[in-house]
All heavy atoms as atom14 arrays in JSON, in Angstrom:
{
  "sequence": "VSTIKAVYFDFDGVISTGEVWTDQSGVESVCCSRRDSLGLT",
  "atom14_mask": [
    [1, 1, 1, 1, 1, 1, 1, 0, 0, 0, 0, 0, 0, 0],
    [1, 1, 1, 1, 1, 1, 0, 0, 0, 0, 0, 0, 0, 0],
    [1, 1, 1, 1, 1, 1, 1, 0, 0, 0, 0, 0, 0, 0],
    [1, 1, 1, 1, 1, 1, 1, 1, 0, 0, 0, 0, 0, 0],
    [1, 1, 1, 1, 1, 1, 1, 1, 1, 0, 0, 0, 0, 0],
    [1, 1, 1, 1, 1, 0, 0, 0, 0, 0, 0, 0, 0, 0],
    [1, 1, 1, 1, 1, 1, 1, 0, 0, 0, 0, 0, 0, 0],
    [1, 1, 1, 1, 1, 1, 1, 1, 1, 1, 1, 1, 0, 0],
    [1, 1, 1, 1, 1, 1, 1, 1, 1, 1, 1, 0, 0, 0],
    [1, 1, 1, 1, 1, 1, 1, 1, 0, 0, 0, 0, 0, 0],
    [1, 1, 1, 1, 1, 1, 1, 1, 1, 1, 1, 0, 0, 0],
    [1, 1, 1, 1, 1, 1, 1, 1, 0, 0, 0, 0, 0, 0],
    [1, 1, 1, 1, 0, 0, 0, 0, 0, 0, 0, 0, 0, 0],
    [1, 1, 1, 1, 1, 1, 1, 0, 0, 0, 0, 0, 0, 0],
    [1, 1, 1, 1, 1, 1, 1, 1, 0, 0, 0, 0, 0, 0],
    [1, 1, 1, 1, 1, 1, 0, 0, 0, 0, 0, 0, 0, 0],
    [1, 1, 1, 1, 1, 1, 1, 0, 0, 0, 0, 0, 0, 0],
    [1, 1, 1, 1, 0, 0, 0, 0, 0, 0, 0, 0, 0, 0],
    [1, 1, 1, 1, 1, 1, 1, 1, 1, 0, 0, 0, 0, 0],
    [1, 1, 1, 1, 1, 1, 1, 0, 0, 0, 0, 0, 0, 0],
    [1, 1, 1, 1, 1, 1, 1, 1, 1, 1, 1, 1, 1, 1],
    [1, 1, 1, 1, 1, 1, 1, 0, 0, 0, 0, 0, 0, 0],
    [1, 1, 1, 1, 1, 1, 1, 1, 0, 0, 0, 0, 0, 0],
    [1, 1, 1, 1, 1, 1, 1, 1, 1, 0, 0, 0, 0, 0],
    [1, 1, 1, 1, 1, 1, 0, 0, 0, 0, 0, 0, 0, 0],
    [1, 1, 1, 1, 0, 0, 0, 0, 0, 0, 0, 0, 0, 0],
    [1, 1, 1, 1, 1, 1, 1, 0, 0, 0, 0, 0, 0, 0],
    [1, 1, 1, 1, 1, 1, 1, 1, 1, 0, 0, 0, 0, 0],
    [1, 1, 1, 1, 1, 1, 0, 0, 0, 0, 0, 0, 0, 0],
    [1, 1, 1, 1, 1, 1, 1, 0, 0, 0, 0, 0, 0, 0],
    [1, 1, 1, 1, 1, 1, 0, 0, 0, 0, 0, 0, 0, 0],
    [1, 1, 1, 1, 1, 1, 0, 0, 0, 0, 0, 0, 0, 0],
    [1, 1, 1, 1, 1, 1, 0, 0, 0, 0, 0, 0, 0, 0],
    [1, 1, 1, 1, 1, 1, 1, 1, 1, 1, 1, 0, 0, 0],
    [1, 1, 1, 1, 1, 1, 1, 1, 1, 1, 1, 0, 0, 0],
    [1, 1, 1, 1, 1, 1, 1, 1, 0, 0, 0, 0, 0, 0],
    [1, 1, 1, 1, 1, 1, 0, 0, 0, 0, 0, 0, 0, 0],
    [1, 1, 1, 1, 1, 1, 1, 1, 0, 0, 0, 0, 0, 0],
    [1, 1, 1, 1, 0, 0, 0, 0, 0, 0, 0, 0, 0, 0],
    [1, 1, 1, 1, 1, 1, 1, 1, 0, 0, 0, 0, 0, 0],
    [1, 1, 1, 1, 1, 1, 1, 0, 0, 0, 0, 0, 0, 0]
  ],
  "atom14_positions": [
    [[-27.03, 5.8, 46.43], [-27.17, 4.32, 46.84], [-27.91, 3.64, 45.74], [-27.52, 2.39, 45.47], [-28.06, 4.23, 48.08], [-28.55, 2.83, 48.37], [-27.24, 4.8, 49.38], [0.0, 0.0, 0.0], [0.0, 0.0, 0.0], [0.0, 0.0, 0.0], [0.0, 0.0, 0.0], [0.0, 0.0, 0.0], [0.0, 0.0, 0.0], [0.0, 0.0, 0.0]],
    [[-28.82, 4.16, 45.07], [-29.46, 3.59, 44.03], [-28.81, 3.42, 42.67], [-29.27, 2.72, 41.76], [-30.94, 4.19, 43.81], [-30.71, 5.52, 43.18], [0.0, 0.0, 0.0], [0.0, 0.0, 0.0], [0.0, 0.0, 0.0], [0.0, 0.0, 0.0], [0.0, 0.0, 0.0], [0.0, 0.0, 0.0], [0.0, 0.0, 0.0], [0.0, 0.0, 0.0]],
    [[-27.55, 3.96, 42.62], [-26.96, 3.91, 41.4], [-25.81, 2.8, 41.4], [-25.97, 1.87, 40.66], [-26.06, 5.2, 41.11], [-26.58, 6.2, 42.1], [-26.3, 5.71, 39.81], [0.0, 0.0, 0.0], [0.0, 0.0, 0.0], [0.0, 0.0, 0.0], [0.0, 0.0, 0.0], [0.0, 0.0, 0.0], [0.0, 0.0, 0.0], [0.0, 0.0, 0.0]],
    [[-24.76, 2.96, 42.24], [-23.68, 2.02, 42.35], [-24.17, 0.85, 43.29], [-24.58, 0.91, 44.33], [-22.39, 2.54, 42.91], [-21.97, 3.9, 42.13], [-21.37, 1.51, 42.89], [-21.82, 3.6, 40.7], [0.0, 0.0, 0.0], [0.0, 0.0, 0.0], [0.0, 0.0, 0.0], [0.0, 0.0, 0.0], [0.0, 0.0, 0.0], [0.0, 0.0, 0.0]],
    [[-24.05, -0.39, 42.63], [-24.65, -1.71, 43.33], [-23.5, -2.36, 44.03], [-23.66, -3.05, 45.04], [-25.29, -2.5, 42.47], [-26.4, -1.94, 41.67], [-27.57, -1.32, 42.6], [-28.6, -0.77, 41.82], [-29.74, -0.25, 42.58], [0.0, 0.0, 0.0], [0.0, 0.0, 0.0], [0.0, 0.0, 0.0], [0.0, 0.0, 0.0], [0.0, 0.0, 0.0]],
    [[-22.24, -2.39, 43.59], [-21.17, -3.11, 44.11], [-19.74, -2.59, 43.69], [-19.67, -1.85, 42.59], [-21.33, -4.62, 43.62], [0.0, 0.0, 0.0], [0.0, 0.0, 0.0], [0.0, 0.0, 0.0], [0.0, 0.0, 0.0], [0.0, 0.0, 0.0], [0.0, 0.0, 0.0], [0.0, 0.0, 0.0], [0.0, 0.0, 0.0], [0.0, 0.0, 0.0]],
    [[-18.78, -2.85, 44.45], [-17.38, -2.6, 44.17], [-16.59, -3.78, 44.49], [-16.64, -4.33, 45.6], [-16.88, -1.39, 45.06], [-15.55, -1.0, 44.61], [-17.92, -0.26, 44.92], [0.0, 0.0, 0.0], [0.0, 0.0, 0.0], [0.0, 0.0, 0.0], [0.0, 0.0, 0.0], [0.0, 0.0, 0.0], [0.0, 0.0, 0.0], [0.0, 0.0, 0.0]],
    [[-15.79, -4.24, 43.43], [-14.87, -5.35, 43.58], [-13.35, -4.83, 43.31], [-13.19, -4.13, 42.37], [-15.25, -6.48, 42.75], [-16.51, -7.04, 43.08], [-17.66, -6.8, 42.4], [-16.78, -7.89, 44.2], [-18.93, -7.34, 42.77], [-17.93, -8.33, 44.59], [-19.01, -8.08, 43.74], [-20.17, -8.65, 44.25], [0.0, 0.0, 0.0], [0.0, 0.0, 0.0]],
    [[-12.47, -5.28, 44.22], [-11.12, -4.87, 44.2], [-10.2, -6.04, 43.89], [-10.52, -7.19, 44.43], [-10.73, -4.28, 45.63], [-11.45, -3.05, 46.05], [-12.5, -3.27, 46.87], [-11.16, -1.79, 45.63], [-13.22, -2.19, 47.42], [-11.89, -0.75, 46.2], [-12.85, -0.93, 47.05], [0.0, 0.0, 0.0], [0.0, 0.0, 0.0], [0.0, 0.0, 0.0]],
    [[-9.2, -5.83, 43.14], [-8.12, -6.77, 43.08], [-7.37, -6.51, 44.48], [-7.43, -5.53, 45.16], [-7.21, -6.49, 41.88], [-5.96, -7.32, 41.83], [-6.07, -8.59, 42.21], [-4.97, -6.96, 41.25], [0.0, 0.0, 0.0], [0.0, 0.0, 0.0], [0.0, 0.0, 0.0], [0.0, 0.0, 0.0], [0.0, 0.0, 0.0], [0.0, 0.0, 0.0]],
    [[-6.47, -7.48, 44.73], [-5.72, -7.29, 46.08], [-4.33, -6.73, 45.8], [-4.09, -5.59, 46.23], [-5.62, -8.66, 46.85], [-5.03, -8.45, 48.23], [-5.87, -8.11, 49.18], [-3.57, -8.52, 48.34], [-5.25, -7.88, 50.49], [-2.97, -8.38, 49.58], [-3.79, -8.04, 50.71], [0.0, 0.0, 0.0], [0.0, 0.0, 0.0], [0.0, 0.0, 0.0]],
    [[-3.41, -7.62, 45.13], [-2.05, -7.12, 44.91], [-2.14, -5.88, 43.93], [-2.58, -5.96, 42.8], [-1.31, -8.14, 44.24], [-0.91, -9.33, 45.28], [-0.8, -8.98, 46.35], [-0.83, -10.59, 44.84], [0.0, 0.0, 0.0], [0.0, 0.0, 0.0], [0.0, 0.0, 0.0], [0.0, 0.0, 0.0], [0.0, 0.0, 0.0], [0.0, 0.0, 0.0]],
    [[-1.46, -4.83, 44.42], [-1.42, -3.59, 43.58], [-2.62, -2.7, 43.7], [-2.64, -1.62, 43.18], [0.0, 0.0, 0.0], [0.0, 0.0, 0.0], [0.0, 0.0, 0.0], [0.0, 0.0, 0.0], [0.0, 0.0, 0.0], [0.0, 0.0, 0.0], [0.0, 0.0, 0.0], [0.0, 0.0, 0.0], [0.0, 0.0, 0.0], [0.0, 0.0, 0.0]],
    [[-3.6, -3.04, 44.46], [-4.74, -2.23, 44.67], [-4.92, -1.98, 46.21], [-4.88, -0.86, 46.78], [-6.06, -2.83, 44.09], [-7.26, -1.95, 44.44], [-5.93, -2.87, 42.61], [0.0, 0.0, 0.0], [0.0, 0.0, 0.0], [0.0, 0.0, 0.0], [0.0, 0.0, 0.0], [0.0, 0.0, 0.0], [0.0, 0.0, 0.0], [0.0, 0.0, 0.0]],
    [[-5.29, -3.13, 46.91], [-5.29, -2.98, 48.34], [-3.99, -2.96, 49.05], [-3.64, -2.22, 49.87], [-6.15, -4.15, 48.99], [-7.59, -4.09, 48.48], [-6.15, -4.3, 50.46], [-8.49, -5.19, 48.95], [0.0, 0.0, 0.0], [0.0, 0.0, 0.0], [0.0, 0.0, 0.0], [0.0, 0.0, 0.0], [0.0, 0.0, 0.0], [0.0, 0.0, 0.0]],
    [[-3.09, -3.7, 48.33], [-1.61, -3.73, 48.77], [-0.8, -2.92, 47.78], [-1.31, -2.63, 46.68], [-1.1, -5.12, 48.9], [-0.75, -5.64, 47.65], [0.0, 0.0, 0.0], [0.0, 0.0, 0.0], [0.0, 0.0, 0.0], [0.0, 0.0, 0.0], [0.0, 0.0, 0.0], [0.0, 0.0, 0.0], [0.0, 0.0, 0.0], [0.0, 0.0, 0.0]],
    [[0.44, -2.74, 48.15], [1.31, -1.9, 47.2], [1.7, -2.87, 45.92], [2.4, -2.32, 44.99], [2.51, -1.52, 47.96], [3.22, -2.6, 48.45], [2.18, -0.41, 49.07], [0.0, 0.0, 0.0], [0.0, 0.0, 0.0], [0.0, 0.0, 0.0], [0.0, 0.0, 0.0], [0.0, 0.0, 0.0], [0.0, 0.0, 0.0], [0.0, 0.0, 0.0]],
    [[1.52, -4.13, 46.14], [2.01, -5.1, 45.16], [3.33, -5.64, 45.45], [3.92, -6.49, 44.73], [0.0, 0.0, 0.0], [0.0, 0.0, 0.0], [0.0, 0.0, 0.0], [0.0, 0.0, 0.0], [0.0, 0.0, 0.0], [0.0, 0.0, 0.0], [0.0, 0.0, 0.0], [0.0, 0.0, 0.0], [0.0, 0.0, 0.0], [0.0, 0.0, 0.0]],
    [[3.96, -5.08, 46.52], [5.3, -5.58, 46.92], [5.14, -6.68, 48.01], [4.06, -6.74, 48.61], [6.11, -4.35, 47.62], [6.35, -3.34, 46.66], [6.88, -2.11, 47.29], [6.1, -1.46, 48.15], [8.02, -1.63, 47.09], [0.0, 0.0, 0.0], [0.0, 0.0, 0.0], [0.0, 0.0, 0.0], [0.0, 0.0, 0.0], [0.0, 0.0, 0.0]],
    [[6.06, -7.52, 48.06], [5.94, -8.55, 49.19], [7.25, -8.73, 49.79], [8.4, -8.62, 49.17], [5.55, -9.82, 48.5], [6.7, -10.29, 47.51], [5.32, -10.9, 49.52], [0.0, 0.0, 0.0], [0.0, 0.0, 0.0], [0.0, 0.0, 0.0], [0.0, 0.0, 0.0], [0.0, 0.0, 0.0], [0.0, 0.0, 0.0], [0.0, 0.0, 0.0]],
    [[7.31, -8.87, 51.2], [8.49, -9.15, 51.96], [8.46, -10.62, 52.45], [7.49, -11.08, 52.97], [8.59, -8.2, 53.12], [8.84, -6.83, 52.71], [10.0, -6.22, 52.64], [7.81, -5.89, 52.42], [9.83, -4.87, 52.26], [8.51, -4.58, 52.17], [6.46, -5.82, 52.41], [7.8, -3.53, 51.73], [5.84, -4.74, 52.06], [6.45, -3.53, 51.8]],
    [[9.6, -11.26, 52.3], [9.7, -12.81, 52.66], [10.74, -12.93, 53.67], [11.91, -12.54, 53.51], [9.87, -13.79, 51.49], [8.98, -13.48, 50.45], [9.79, -15.12, 51.8], [0.0, 0.0, 0.0], [0.0, 0.0, 0.0], [0.0, 0.0, 0.0], [0.0, 0.0, 0.0], [0.0, 0.0, 0.0], [0.0, 0.0, 0.0], [0.0, 0.0, 0.0]],
    [[10.48, -13.45, 54.96], [11.48, -13.67, 55.9], [12.13, -15.04, 55.67], [11.91, -15.74, 54.79], [10.9, -13.61, 57.35], [9.92, -14.72, 57.65], [9.83, -15.71, 56.94], [9.21, -14.62, 58.59], [0.0, 0.0, 0.0], [0.0, 0.0, 0.0], [0.0, 0.0, 0.0], [0.0, 0.0, 0.0], [0.0, 0.0, 0.0], [0.0, 0.0, 0.0]],
    [[13.06, -15.42, 56.51], [13.9, -16.6, 56.31], [13.2, -17.84, 56.42], [13.59, -18.88, 56.05], [15.12, -16.54, 57.35], [14.67, -16.71, 58.74], [14.34, -15.42, 59.42], [14.15, -14.38, 58.69], [14.47, -15.39, 60.82], [0.0, 0.0, 0.0], [0.0, 0.0, 0.0], [0.0, 0.0, 0.0], [0.0, 0.0, 0.0], [0.0, 0.0, 0.0]],
    [[11.9, -17.79, 56.94], [11.08, -18.91, 57.1], [10.08, -19.01, 55.92], [9.27, -20.01, 55.93], [10.28, -18.8, 58.43], [11.21, -18.82, 59.59], [0.0, 0.0, 0.0], [0.0, 0.0, 0.0], [0.0, 0.0, 0.0], [0.0, 0.0, 0.0], [0.0, 0.0, 0.0], [0.0, 0.0, 0.0], [0.0, 0.0, 0.0], [0.0, 0.0, 0.0]],
    [[10.17, -18.15, 55.13], [9.3, -18.11, 54.02], [7.98, -17.47, 54.1], [6.97, -17.52, 53.33], [0.0, 0.0, 0.0], [0.0, 0.0, 0.0], [0.0, 0.0, 0.0], [0.0, 0.0, 0.0], [0.0, 0.0, 0.0], [0.0, 0.0, 0.0], [0.0, 0.0, 0.0], [0.0, 0.0, 0.0], [0.0, 0.0, 0.0], [0.0, 0.0, 0.0]],
    [[7.76, -16.87, 55.23], [6.57, -16.13, 55.61], [6.54, -14.74, 54.92], [7.34, -14.01, 55.02], [6.35, -15.95, 57.12], [5.05, -15.17, 57.43], [6.28, -17.27, 57.81], [0.0, 0.0, 0.0], [0.0, 0.0, 0.0], [0.0, 0.0, 0.0], [0.0, 0.0, 0.0], [0.0, 0.0, 0.0], [0.0, 0.0, 0.0], [0.0, 0.0, 0.0]],
    [[5.41, -14.5, 54.16], [5.29, -13.36, 53.42], [4.5, -12.24, 54.13], [3.64, -12.51, 54.86], [4.55, -13.58, 52.05], [5.51, -14.49, 51.2], [4.75, -14.71, 49.79], [3.64, -14.37, 49.55], [5.58, -15.35, 48.82], [0.0, 0.0, 0.0], [0.0, 0.0, 0.0], [0.0, 0.0, 0.0], [0.0, 0.0, 0.0], [0.0, 0.0, 0.0]],
    [[4.94, -10.95, 53.95], [4.22, -9.81, 54.37], [3.88, -8.83, 53.25], [4.65, -8.83, 52.32], [5.06, -9.08, 55.44], [5.25, -9.94, 56.59], [0.0, 0.0, 0.0], [0.0, 0.0, 0.0], [0.0, 0.0, 0.0], [0.0, 0.0, 0.0], [0.0, 0.0, 0.0], [0.0, 0.0, 0.0], [0.0, 0.0, 0.0], [0.0, 0.0, 0.0]],
    [[2.86, -8.18, 53.36], [2.5, -7.07, 52.45], [2.27, -5.74, 53.1], [2.11, -5.68, 54.35], [1.24, -7.46, 51.52], [1.49, -8.73, 50.79], [0.09, -7.61, 52.52], [0.0, 0.0, 0.0], [0.0, 0.0, 0.0], [0.0, 0.0, 0.0], [0.0, 0.0, 0.0], [0.0, 0.0, 0.0], [0.0, 0.0, 0.0], [0.0, 0.0, 0.0]],
    [[2.18, -4.68, 52.21], [2.1, -3.36, 52.85], [0.67, -2.83, 52.43], [0.51, -2.84, 51.19], [3.19, -2.45, 52.39], [2.97, -0.74, 53.08], [0.0, 0.0, 0.0], [0.0, 0.0, 0.0], [0.0, 0.0, 0.0], [0.0, 0.0, 0.0], [0.0, 0.0, 0.0], [0.0, 0.0, 0.0], [0.0, 0.0, 0.0], [0.0, 0.0, 0.0]],
    [[-0.12, -2.32, 53.29], [-1.48, -1.86, 53.0], [-1.56, -0.47, 53.8], [-0.85, -0.25, 54.59], [-2.56, -2.88, 53.43], [-2.4, -4.46, 52.54], [0.0, 0.0, 0.0], [0.0, 0.0, 0.0], [0.0, 0.0, 0.0], [0.0, 0.0, 0.0], [0.0, 0.0, 0.0], [0.0, 0.0, 0.0], [0.0, 0.0, 0.0], [0.0, 0.0, 0.0]],
    [[-2.67, 0.22, 53.5], [-2.91, 1.44, 54.08], [-4.02, 1.46, 55.12], [-5.09, 0.97, 54.87], [-3.29, 2.57, 52.98], [-3.63, 3.82, 53.57], [0.0, 0.0, 0.0], [0.0, 0.0, 0.0], [0.0, 0.0, 0.0], [0.0, 0.0, 0.0], [0.0, 0.0, 0.0], [0.0, 0.0, 0.0], [0.0, 0.0, 0.0], [0.0, 0.0, 0.0]],
    [[-3.78, 2.06, 56.23], [-4.87, 2.06, 57.38], [-5.8, 3.12, 56.88], [-7.07, 2.99, 57.4], [-4.26, 2.41, 58.76], [-3.53, 1.33, 59.32], [-3.15, 1.64, 60.7], [-2.42, 0.5, 61.37], [-2.82, -0.48, 61.9], [-4.24, -0.67, 61.86], [-2.04, -1.45, 62.53], [0.0, 0.0, 0.0], [0.0, 0.0, 0.0], [0.0, 0.0, 0.0]],
    [[-5.53, 4.06, 56.01], [-6.55, 4.99, 55.61], [-7.53, 4.31, 54.62], [-8.69, 4.75, 54.68], [-5.84, 6.2, 54.81], [-4.95, 7.04, 55.77], [-4.4, 8.2, 54.93], [-3.59, 9.13, 55.78], [-3.16, 10.23, 55.34], [-3.06, 10.58, 54.14], [-2.32, 11.03, 56.32], [0.0, 0.0, 0.0], [0.0, 0.0, 0.0], [0.0, 0.0, 0.0]],
    [[-7.11, 3.36, 54.01], [-8.11, 2.47, 53.08], [-9.08, 1.84, 54.15], [-10.34, 1.84, 53.74], [-7.38, 1.46, 52.31], [-6.45, 2.07, 51.19], [-6.63, 3.24, 51.01], [-5.74, 1.21, 50.65], [0.0, 0.0, 0.0], [0.0, 0.0, 0.0], [0.0, 0.0, 0.0], [0.0, 0.0, 0.0], [0.0, 0.0, 0.0], [0.0, 0.0, 0.0]],
    [[-8.64, 1.36, 55.24], [-9.43, 0.69, 56.2], [-10.59, 1.58, 56.69], [-11.71, 1.24, 56.75], [-8.64, 0.15, 57.43], [-7.54, -0.61, 56.99], [0.0, 0.0, 0.0], [0.0, 0.0, 0.0], [0.0, 0.0, 0.0], [0.0, 0.0, 0.0], [0.0, 0.0, 0.0], [0.0, 0.0, 0.0], [0.0, 0.0, 0.0], [0.0, 0.0, 0.0]],
    [[-10.2, 2.76, 57.04], [-11.18, 3.87, 57.58], [-12.19, 4.26, 56.47], [-13.25, 4.44, 56.61], [-10.46, 5.11, 58.03], [-11.44, 6.22, 58.51], [-12.23, 5.69, 59.71], [-10.43, 7.37, 59.06], [0.0, 0.0, 0.0], [0.0, 0.0, 0.0], [0.0, 0.0, 0.0], [0.0, 0.0, 0.0], [0.0, 0.0, 0.0], [0.0, 0.0, 0.0]],
    [[-11.66, 4.2, 55.25], [-12.57, 4.6, 54.17], [-13.61, 3.57, 53.98], [-14.79, 3.94, 53.68], [0.0, 0.0, 0.0], [0.0, 0.0, 0.0], [0.0, 0.0, 0.0], [0.0, 0.0, 0.0], [0.0, 0.0, 0.0], [0.0, 0.0, 0.0], [0.0, 0.0, 0.0], [0.0, 0.0, 0.0], [0.0, 0.0, 0.0], [0.0, 0.0, 0.0]],
    [[-13.23, 2.31, 53.9], [-14.24, 1.22, 53.91], [-15.16, 1.24, 54.98], [-16.4, 1.01, 54.8], [-13.44, -0.13, 53.83], [-12.65, -0.43, 52.46], [-11.78, -1.66, 52.69], [-13.62, -0.56, 51.38], [0.0, 0.0, 0.0], [0.0, 0.0, 0.0], [0.0, 0.0, 0.0], [0.0, 0.0, 0.0], [0.0, 0.0, 0.0], [0.0, 0.0, 0.0]],
    [[-14.79, 1.52, 56.16], [-15.73, 1.62, 57.39], [-16.76, 2.69, 57.17], [-17.87, 2.54, 57.35], [-14.91, 1.84, 58.68], [-14.0, 0.75, 58.89], [-15.83, 2.08, 59.75], [0.0, 0.0, 0.0], [0.0, 0.0, 0.0], [0.0, 0.0, 0.0], [0.0, 0.0, 0.0], [0.0, 0.0, 0.0], [0.0, 0.0, 0.0], [0.0, 0.0, 0.0]]
  ]
}
């Protein structure tokens, strides 16, 4: 705890795969991992 003070992540390509899906309405979706969520918790 006394060593590492902070962690900052980029989003695209780190939290997400860097890929994006766009539907016919222009709404974008990305792919992320639920295991990452548990790790942060």
